[in-house]
Amino acid sequence: MRRILATAILCCGLAGCAIPSPFAVPTLGGPPGDLAADRRACNRQFPERIGNYLPHAECVNAAVERDAIPLAKHPDLVRLQEQLRVKYSGQIDRGVLSPREGQRKMAEADELVNAAMRDRDNGRRTVAEHRVDRLQAMLQ
């Protein structure tokens, strides 16, 4: 019985090496911490066209998680940005949004995230929370 259990555990462990995880980081362009290189790698791997927007967003988010989150002062805001990137990219791929409209919405989200970070850094917590509320509403 032990031998069968040990064999089963070993086989499952080896199978895990062969099955790609849906959370695996795509092939990125540089060493950890080089977000610009990793974003360029995502751009090469997923050129701008319908059907690639969501995989590109997931690639960028993986790079952000790897390169930016460990050093982020406000990781919750960065993760809101990631969620919106996935939302709008998926909508572009499904034809709900045009690429131009998706980029406009993402630029608006980026500005809100950056402004909320500045507000927090400058002690304007209430203003920052209003911006976070707007970001949360954008996720709906």
N, C-alpha and C. Protein backbone atom coordinates (compact mmCIF):
# COMPACT_ATOMS: atom_id res chain seq x y z
N MET A 1 0.81 -1.19 0.00
CA MET A 1 0.00 0.00 0.00
C MET A 1 0.86 1.26 0.00
N ARG A 2 1.92 1.25 0.82
CA ARG A 2 2.82 2.40 0.86
C ARG A 2 3.50 2.62 -0.48
N ARG A 3 3.90 1.50 -1.10
CA ARG A 3 4.57 1.59 -2.40
C ARG A 3 3.64 2.21 -3.44
N ILE A 4 2.36 1.83 -3.45
CA ILE A 4 1.38 2.38 -4.40
C ILE A 4 1.18 3.86 -4.13
N LEU A 5 1.05 4.21 -2.84
CA LEU A 5 0.87 5.62 -2.48
C LEU A 5 2.08 6.45 -2.88
N ALA A 6 3.27 5.93 -2.62
CA ALA A 6 4.50 6.65 -2.99
C ALA A 6 4.59 6.83 -4.50
N THR A 7 4.25 5.79 -5.24
CA THR A 7 4.27 5.87 -6.70
C THR A 7 3.26 6.89 -7.20
N ALA A 8 2.07 6.90 -6.61
CA ALA A 8 1.03 7.84 -7.02
C ALA A 8 1.48 9.28 -6.75
N ILE A 9 2.07 9.51 -5.60
CA ILE A 9 2.54 10.86 -5.25
C ILE A 9 3.64 11.29 -6.21
N LEU A 10 4.56 10.40 -6.51
CA LEU A 10 5.65 10.71 -7.44
C LEU A 10 5.10 11.03 -8.82
N CYS A 11 4.14 10.23 -9.30
CA CYS A 11 3.56 10.48 -10.62
C CYS A 11 2.83 11.82 -10.67
N CYS A 12 2.08 12.12 -9.63
CA CYS A 12 1.37 13.41 -9.59
C CYS A 12 2.37 14.57 -9.58
N GLY A 13 3.43 14.40 -8.83
CA GLY A 13 4.46 15.44 -8.79
C GLY A 13 5.10 15.66 -10.15
N LEU A 14 5.39 14.57 -10.84
CA LEU A 14 5.99 14.69 -12.17
C LEU A 14 5.00 15.25 -13.18
N ALA A 15 3.74 14.87 -13.06
CA ALA A 15 2.72 15.40 -13.97
C ALA A 15 2.59 16.90 -13.80
N GLY A 16 2.73 17.36 -12.58
CA GLY A 16 2.66 18.80 -12.33
C GLY A 16 3.75 19.56 -13.05
N CYS A 17 4.87 18.93 -13.28
CA CYS A 17 5.95 19.59 -14.02
C CYS A 17 5.60 19.73 -15.50
N ALA A 18 4.81 18.81 -16.01
CA ALA A 18 4.53 18.81 -17.45
C ALA A 18 3.30 19.63 -17.82
N ILE A 19 2.41 19.89 -16.86
CA ILE A 19 1.18 20.63 -17.15
C ILE A 19 1.41 22.09 -16.82
N PRO A 20 1.29 22.98 -17.81
CA PRO A 20 1.52 24.38 -17.52
C PRO A 20 0.42 24.93 -16.61
N SER A 21 0.83 25.69 -15.64
CA SER A 21 -0.12 26.31 -14.73
C SER A 21 -0.77 27.51 -15.40
N PRO A 22 -2.08 27.73 -15.15
CA PRO A 22 -2.72 28.91 -15.72
C PRO A 22 -2.17 30.19 -15.10
N PHE A 23 -1.43 30.05 -14.00
CA PHE A 23 -0.86 31.21 -13.33
C PHE A 23 0.63 31.35 -13.61
N ALA A 24 1.14 30.57 -14.52
CA ALA A 24 2.55 30.64 -14.83
C ALA A 24 2.87 31.98 -15.48
N VAL A 25 4.02 32.51 -15.13
CA VAL A 25 4.46 33.77 -15.72
C VAL A 25 4.91 33.50 -17.15
N PRO A 26 4.37 34.24 -18.11
CA PRO A 26 4.82 34.05 -19.49
C PRO A 26 6.31 34.32 -19.61
N THR A 27 6.86 33.96 -20.75
CA THR A 27 8.26 34.23 -20.99
C THR A 27 8.46 35.74 -20.98
N LEU A 28 9.19 36.20 -20.01
CA LEU A 28 9.38 37.64 -19.86
C LEU A 28 10.76 38.02 -20.38
N GLY A 29 10.96 39.34 -20.51
CA GLY A 29 12.13 39.82 -21.23
C GLY A 29 13.37 40.11 -20.43
N GLY A 30 13.28 40.17 -19.14
CA GLY A 30 14.46 40.55 -18.38
C GLY A 30 14.48 39.91 -17.01
N PRO A 31 15.47 40.29 -16.23
CA PRO A 31 15.56 39.75 -14.88
C PRO A 31 14.45 40.34 -14.01
N PRO A 32 14.15 39.70 -12.89
CA PRO A 32 13.14 40.25 -12.00
C PRO A 32 13.44 41.72 -11.69
N GLY A 33 12.40 42.52 -11.73
CA GLY A 33 12.58 43.94 -11.45
C GLY A 33 12.67 44.81 -12.68
N ASP A 34 12.75 44.22 -13.87
CA ASP A 34 12.86 45.00 -15.11
C ASP A 34 11.51 45.01 -15.82
N LEU A 35 10.60 45.82 -15.29
CA LEU A 35 9.24 45.86 -15.82
C LEU A 35 9.21 46.31 -17.27
N ALA A 36 10.03 47.27 -17.64
CA ALA A 36 10.03 47.76 -19.03
C ALA A 36 10.41 46.63 -19.99
N ALA A 37 11.42 45.85 -19.67
CA ALA A 37 11.82 44.74 -20.53
C ALA A 37 10.73 43.68 -20.59
N ASP A 38 10.09 43.43 -19.46
CA ASP A 38 9.04 42.42 -19.44
C ASP A 38 7.82 42.89 -20.23
N ARG A 39 7.50 44.16 -20.18
CA ARG A 39 6.38 44.67 -20.98
C ARG A 39 6.70 44.58 -22.47
N ARG A 40 7.93 44.87 -22.83
CA ARG A 40 8.34 44.72 -24.25
C ARG A 40 8.20 43.27 -24.69
N ALA A 41 8.56 42.34 -23.82
CA ALA A 41 8.41 40.91 -24.14
C ALA A 41 6.93 40.56 -24.34
N CYS A 42 6.06 41.12 -23.51
CA CYS A 42 4.62 40.89 -23.67
C CYS A 42 4.15 41.46 -25.01
N ASN A 43 4.66 42.62 -25.38
CA ASN A 43 4.28 43.24 -26.66
C ASN A 43 4.71 42.36 -27.84
N ARG A 44 5.88 41.75 -27.73
CA ARG A 44 6.35 40.86 -28.80
C ARG A 44 5.53 39.58 -28.83
N GLN A 45 5.25 39.04 -27.66
CA GLN A 45 4.54 37.76 -27.57
C GLN A 45 3.08 37.90 -27.99
N PHE A 46 2.48 39.05 -27.70
CA PHE A 46 1.06 39.27 -28.00
C PHE A 46 0.89 40.60 -28.74
N PRO A 47 1.16 40.62 -30.04
CA PRO A 47 1.03 41.86 -30.81
C PRO A 47 -0.40 42.41 -30.73
N GLU A 48 -0.51 43.70 -30.90
CA GLU A 48 -1.80 44.39 -30.76
C GLU A 48 -2.76 43.99 -31.87
N ARG A 49 -3.70 43.09 -31.53
CA ARG A 49 -4.78 42.71 -32.44
C ARG A 49 -5.86 42.01 -31.62
N ILE A 50 -7.08 42.04 -32.15
CA ILE A 50 -8.20 41.42 -31.47
C ILE A 50 -7.86 39.95 -31.22
N GLY A 51 -8.12 39.50 -30.01
CA GLY A 51 -7.78 38.14 -29.61
C GLY A 51 -6.52 38.09 -28.77
N ASN A 52 -5.70 39.13 -28.86
CA ASN A 52 -4.46 39.20 -28.09
C ASN A 52 -4.53 40.15 -26.90
N TYR A 53 -5.59 40.95 -26.83
CA TYR A 53 -5.63 41.96 -25.77
C TYR A 53 -5.66 41.33 -24.37
N LEU A 54 -6.51 40.32 -24.18
CA LEU A 54 -6.58 39.70 -22.86
C LEU A 54 -5.29 38.94 -22.52
N PRO A 55 -4.74 38.10 -23.41
CA PRO A 55 -3.48 37.45 -23.07
C PRO A 55 -2.35 38.46 -22.81
N HIS A 56 -2.37 39.57 -23.56
CA HIS A 56 -1.37 40.61 -23.34
C HIS A 56 -1.55 41.20 -21.94
N ALA A 57 -2.79 41.48 -21.55
CA ALA A 57 -3.05 42.05 -20.22
C ALA A 57 -2.60 41.08 -19.13
N GLU A 58 -2.86 39.80 -19.32
CA GLU A 58 -2.43 38.81 -18.33
C GLU A 58 -0.91 38.73 -18.25
N CYS A 59 -0.25 38.85 -19.39
CA CYS A 59 1.21 38.86 -19.42
C CYS A 59 1.75 40.08 -18.67
N VAL A 60 1.17 41.24 -18.97
CA VAL A 60 1.61 42.47 -18.30
C VAL A 60 1.36 42.36 -16.79
N ASN A 61 0.19 41.84 -16.42
CA ASN A 61 -0.11 41.71 -14.99
C ASN A 61 0.88 40.77 -14.30
N ALA A 62 1.26 39.70 -14.98
CA ALA A 62 2.26 38.79 -14.40
C ALA A 62 3.59 39.52 -14.20
N ALA A 63 3.95 40.35 -15.17
CA ALA A 63 5.19 41.13 -15.04
C ALA A 63 5.07 42.12 -13.89
N VAL A 64 3.93 42.76 -13.77
CA VAL A 64 3.71 43.72 -12.68
C VAL A 64 3.81 43.00 -11.33
N GLU A 65 3.18 41.85 -11.24
CA GLU A 65 3.24 41.08 -9.99
C GLU A 65 4.69 40.72 -9.64
N ARG A 66 5.44 40.37 -10.64
CA ARG A 66 6.83 39.95 -10.43
C ARG A 66 7.74 41.12 -10.15
N ASP A 67 7.56 42.21 -10.91
CA ASP A 67 8.53 43.31 -10.88
C ASP A 67 8.13 44.49 -10.00
N ALA A 68 6.84 44.80 -9.93
CA ALA A 68 6.42 46.03 -9.27
C ALA A 68 5.79 45.79 -7.90
N ILE A 69 4.96 44.77 -7.78
CA ILE A 69 4.25 44.55 -6.51
C ILE A 69 5.19 44.40 -5.32
N PRO A 70 6.29 43.66 -5.45
CA PRO A 70 7.16 43.53 -4.27
C PRO A 70 7.69 44.87 -3.75
N LEU A 71 7.77 45.87 -4.60
CA LEU A 71 8.29 47.17 -4.20
C LEU A 71 7.21 48.24 -4.08
N ALA A 72 5.97 47.89 -4.39
CA ALA A 72 4.89 48.88 -4.46
C ALA A 72 4.54 49.40 -3.07
N LYS A 73 4.38 50.71 -3.00
CA LYS A 73 3.96 51.35 -1.76
C LYS A 73 2.45 51.18 -1.56
N HIS A 74 1.72 51.07 -2.67
CA HIS A 74 0.26 50.92 -2.62
C HIS A 74 -0.16 49.74 -3.51
N PRO A 75 0.16 48.50 -3.11
CA PRO A 75 -0.14 47.35 -3.97
C PRO A 75 -1.63 47.18 -4.25
N ASP A 76 -2.49 47.63 -3.33
CA ASP A 76 -3.93 47.50 -3.58
C ASP A 76 -4.35 48.32 -4.80
N LEU A 77 -3.75 49.48 -4.98
CA LEU A 77 -4.07 50.31 -6.14
C LEU A 77 -3.54 49.68 -7.42
N VAL A 78 -2.35 49.12 -7.35
CA VAL A 78 -1.77 48.46 -8.52
C VAL A 78 -2.64 47.27 -8.92
N ARG A 79 -3.15 46.55 -7.96
CA ARG A 79 -4.00 45.39 -8.26
C ARG A 79 -5.35 45.81 -8.83
N LEU A 80 -5.89 46.94 -8.38
CA LEU A 80 -7.11 47.48 -9.01
C LEU A 80 -6.84 47.78 -10.48
N GLN A 81 -5.68 48.36 -10.73
CA GLN A 81 -5.27 48.67 -12.10
C GLN A 81 -5.18 47.39 -12.93
N GLU A 82 -4.63 46.34 -12.34
CA GLU A 82 -4.53 45.05 -13.03
C GLU A 82 -5.92 44.51 -13.38
N GLN A 83 -6.84 44.59 -12.43
CA GLN A 83 -8.19 44.09 -12.67
C GLN A 83 -8.87 44.84 -13.81
N LEU A 84 -8.68 46.14 -13.84
CA LEU A 84 -9.28 46.94 -14.90
C LEU A 84 -8.63 46.63 -16.25
N ARG A 85 -7.32 46.38 -16.24
CA ARG A 85 -6.62 46.02 -17.48
C ARG A 85 -7.23 44.75 -18.07
N VAL A 86 -7.48 43.76 -17.21
CA VAL A 86 -8.08 42.50 -17.66
C VAL A 86 -9.51 42.74 -18.15
N LYS A 87 -10.27 43.52 -17.40
CA LYS A 87 -11.67 43.78 -17.78
C LYS A 87 -11.74 44.41 -19.17
N TYR A 88 -11.02 45.51 -19.38
CA TYR A 88 -11.11 46.22 -20.65
C TYR A 88 -10.52 45.41 -21.79
N SER A 89 -9.44 44.68 -21.53
CA SER A 89 -8.83 43.86 -22.58
C SER A 89 -9.78 42.75 -23.02
N GLY A 90 -10.43 42.13 -22.05
CA GLY A 90 -11.41 41.10 -22.39
C GLY A 90 -12.57 41.67 -23.18
N GLN A 91 -13.01 42.87 -22.82
CA GLN A 91 -14.11 43.50 -23.56
C GLN A 91 -13.69 43.84 -25.00
N ILE A 92 -12.45 44.23 -25.18
CA ILE A 92 -11.96 44.50 -26.55
C ILE A 92 -11.98 43.20 -27.35
N ASP A 93 -11.44 42.13 -26.78
CA ASP A 93 -11.40 40.85 -27.49
C ASP A 93 -12.80 40.32 -27.82
N ARG A 94 -13.78 40.61 -26.97
CA ARG A 94 -15.15 40.15 -27.20
C ARG A 94 -15.94 41.10 -28.09
N GLY A 95 -15.35 42.23 -28.49
CA GLY A 95 -16.03 43.17 -29.36
C GLY A 95 -16.97 44.12 -28.64
N VAL A 96 -16.92 44.14 -27.31
CA VAL A 96 -17.77 45.04 -26.53
C VAL A 96 -17.23 46.46 -26.60
N LEU A 97 -15.92 46.58 -26.61
CA LEU A 97 -15.24 47.88 -26.71
C LEU A 97 -14.34 47.88 -27.93
N SER A 98 -14.19 49.04 -28.53
CA SER A 98 -13.17 49.18 -29.57
C SER A 98 -11.81 49.31 -28.88
N PRO A 99 -10.73 48.99 -29.58
CA PRO A 99 -9.42 49.17 -28.97
C PRO A 99 -9.20 50.61 -28.50
N ARG A 100 -9.64 51.57 -29.29
CA ARG A 100 -9.46 52.98 -28.91
C ARG A 100 -10.21 53.31 -27.62
N GLU A 101 -11.46 52.84 -27.52
CA GLU A 101 -12.25 53.10 -26.31
C GLU A 101 -11.65 52.37 -25.11
N GLY A 102 -11.17 51.16 -25.30
CA GLY A 102 -10.52 50.43 -24.22
C GLY A 102 -9.27 51.14 -23.73
N GLN A 103 -8.50 51.66 -24.67
CA GLN A 103 -7.28 52.40 -24.29
C GLN A 103 -7.64 53.69 -23.56
N ARG A 104 -8.73 54.34 -23.98
CA ARG A 104 -9.16 55.57 -23.30
C ARG A 104 -9.58 55.26 -21.86
N LYS A 105 -10.36 54.19 -21.70
CA LYS A 105 -10.81 53.80 -20.36
C LYS A 105 -9.63 53.40 -19.48
N MET A 106 -8.66 52.71 -20.06
CA MET A 106 -7.50 52.31 -19.28
C MET A 106 -6.66 53.51 -18.90
N ALA A 107 -6.55 54.48 -19.79
CA ALA A 107 -5.80 55.72 -19.46
C ALA A 107 -6.49 56.44 -18.31
N GLU A 108 -7.82 56.46 -18.32
CA GLU A 108 -8.56 57.08 -17.22
C GLU A 108 -8.27 56.35 -15.91
N ALA A 109 -8.28 55.02 -15.96
CA ALA A 109 -7.99 54.22 -14.76
C ALA A 109 -6.57 54.47 -14.28
N ASP A 110 -5.61 54.51 -15.21
CA ASP A 110 -4.21 54.77 -14.84
C ASP A 110 -4.08 56.12 -14.14
N GLU A 111 -4.77 57.13 -14.66
CA GLU A 111 -4.70 58.46 -14.05
C GLU A 111 -5.31 58.45 -12.65
N LEU A 112 -6.42 57.77 -12.48
CA LEU A 112 -7.04 57.68 -11.14
C LEU A 112 -6.12 56.96 -10.16
N VAL A 113 -5.48 55.88 -10.61
CA VAL A 113 -4.55 55.15 -9.74
C VAL A 113 -3.39 56.06 -9.35
N ASN A 114 -2.79 56.73 -10.32
CA ASN A 114 -1.66 57.62 -10.03
C ASN A 114 -2.06 58.75 -9.10
N ALA A 115 -3.24 59.33 -9.33
CA ALA A 115 -3.71 60.43 -8.48
C ALA A 115 -3.98 59.92 -7.06
N ALA A 116 -4.57 58.73 -6.93
CA ALA A 116 -4.83 58.17 -5.59
C ALA A 116 -3.52 57.92 -4.86
N MET A 117 -2.50 57.46 -5.58
CA MET A 117 -1.19 57.25 -4.95
C MET A 117 -0.63 58.58 -4.46
N ARG A 118 -0.69 59.60 -5.31
CA ARG A 118 -0.20 60.93 -4.89
C ARG A 118 -0.97 61.45 -3.69
N ASP A 119 -2.29 61.29 -3.73
CA ASP A 119 -3.11 61.77 -2.62
C ASP A 119 -2.75 61.05 -1.32
N ARG A 120 -2.58 59.75 -1.38
CA ARG A 120 -2.18 59.02 -0.17
C ARG A 120 -0.83 59.50 0.32
N ASP A 121 0.11 59.65 -0.61
CA ASP A 121 1.46 60.08 -0.23
C ASP A 121 1.46 61.48 0.40
N ASN A 122 0.49 62.31 0.00
CA ASN A 122 0.42 63.67 0.52
C ASN A 122 -0.56 63.81 1.68
N GLY A 123 -1.02 62.70 2.21
CA GLY A 123 -1.88 62.73 3.39
C GLY A 123 -3.33 63.06 3.11
N ARG A 124 -3.73 63.04 1.86
CA ARG A 124 -5.12 63.34 1.51
C ARG A 124 -5.89 62.01 1.35
N ARG A 125 -6.07 61.34 2.46
CA ARG A 125 -6.68 60.00 2.44
C ARG A 125 -8.12 60.03 1.96
N THR A 126 -8.88 61.03 2.35
CA THR A 126 -10.29 61.08 1.95
C THR A 126 -10.40 61.24 0.44
N VAL A 127 -9.60 62.12 -0.14
CA VAL A 127 -9.61 62.32 -1.59
C VAL A 127 -9.17 61.03 -2.28
N ALA A 128 -8.15 60.39 -1.74
CA ALA A 128 -7.66 59.13 -2.32
C ALA A 128 -8.77 58.08 -2.28
N GLU A 129 -9.50 58.00 -1.19
CA GLU A 129 -10.56 57.00 -1.08
C GLU A 129 -11.70 57.26 -2.07
N HIS A 130 -11.97 58.52 -2.36
CA HIS A 130 -12.97 58.84 -3.39
C HIS A 130 -12.51 58.33 -4.75
N ARG A 131 -11.23 58.48 -5.01
CA ARG A 131 -10.69 57.97 -6.28
C ARG A 131 -10.76 56.44 -6.32
N VAL A 132 -10.47 55.79 -5.21
CA VAL A 132 -10.57 54.33 -5.14
C VAL A 132 -12.01 53.90 -5.37
N ASP A 133 -12.95 54.65 -4.81
CA ASP A 133 -14.37 54.34 -5.04
C ASP A 133 -14.71 54.42 -6.53
N ARG A 134 -14.16 55.41 -7.21
CA ARG A 134 -14.40 55.53 -8.66
C ARG A 134 -13.80 54.34 -9.40
N LEU A 135 -12.61 53.91 -8.99
CA LEU A 135 -11.98 52.74 -9.62
C LEU A 135 -12.83 51.50 -9.39
N GLN A 136 -13.31 51.33 -8.16
CA GLN A 136 -14.16 50.17 -7.84
C GLN A 136 -15.42 50.20 -8.71
N ALA A 137 -15.99 51.39 -8.89
CA ALA A 137 -17.19 51.51 -9.72
C ALA A 137 -16.88 51.12 -11.17
N MET A 138 -15.70 51.42 -11.63
CA MET A 138 -15.31 51.07 -12.99
C MET A 138 -15.23 49.55 -13.17
N LEU A 139 -14.99 48.84 -12.09
CA LEU A 139 -14.91 47.37 -12.16
C LEU A 139 -16.29 46.72 -12.31
N GLN A 140 -17.33 47.44 -11.95
CA GLN A 140 -18.70 46.87 -12.02
C GLN A 140 -19.15 46.69 -13.43
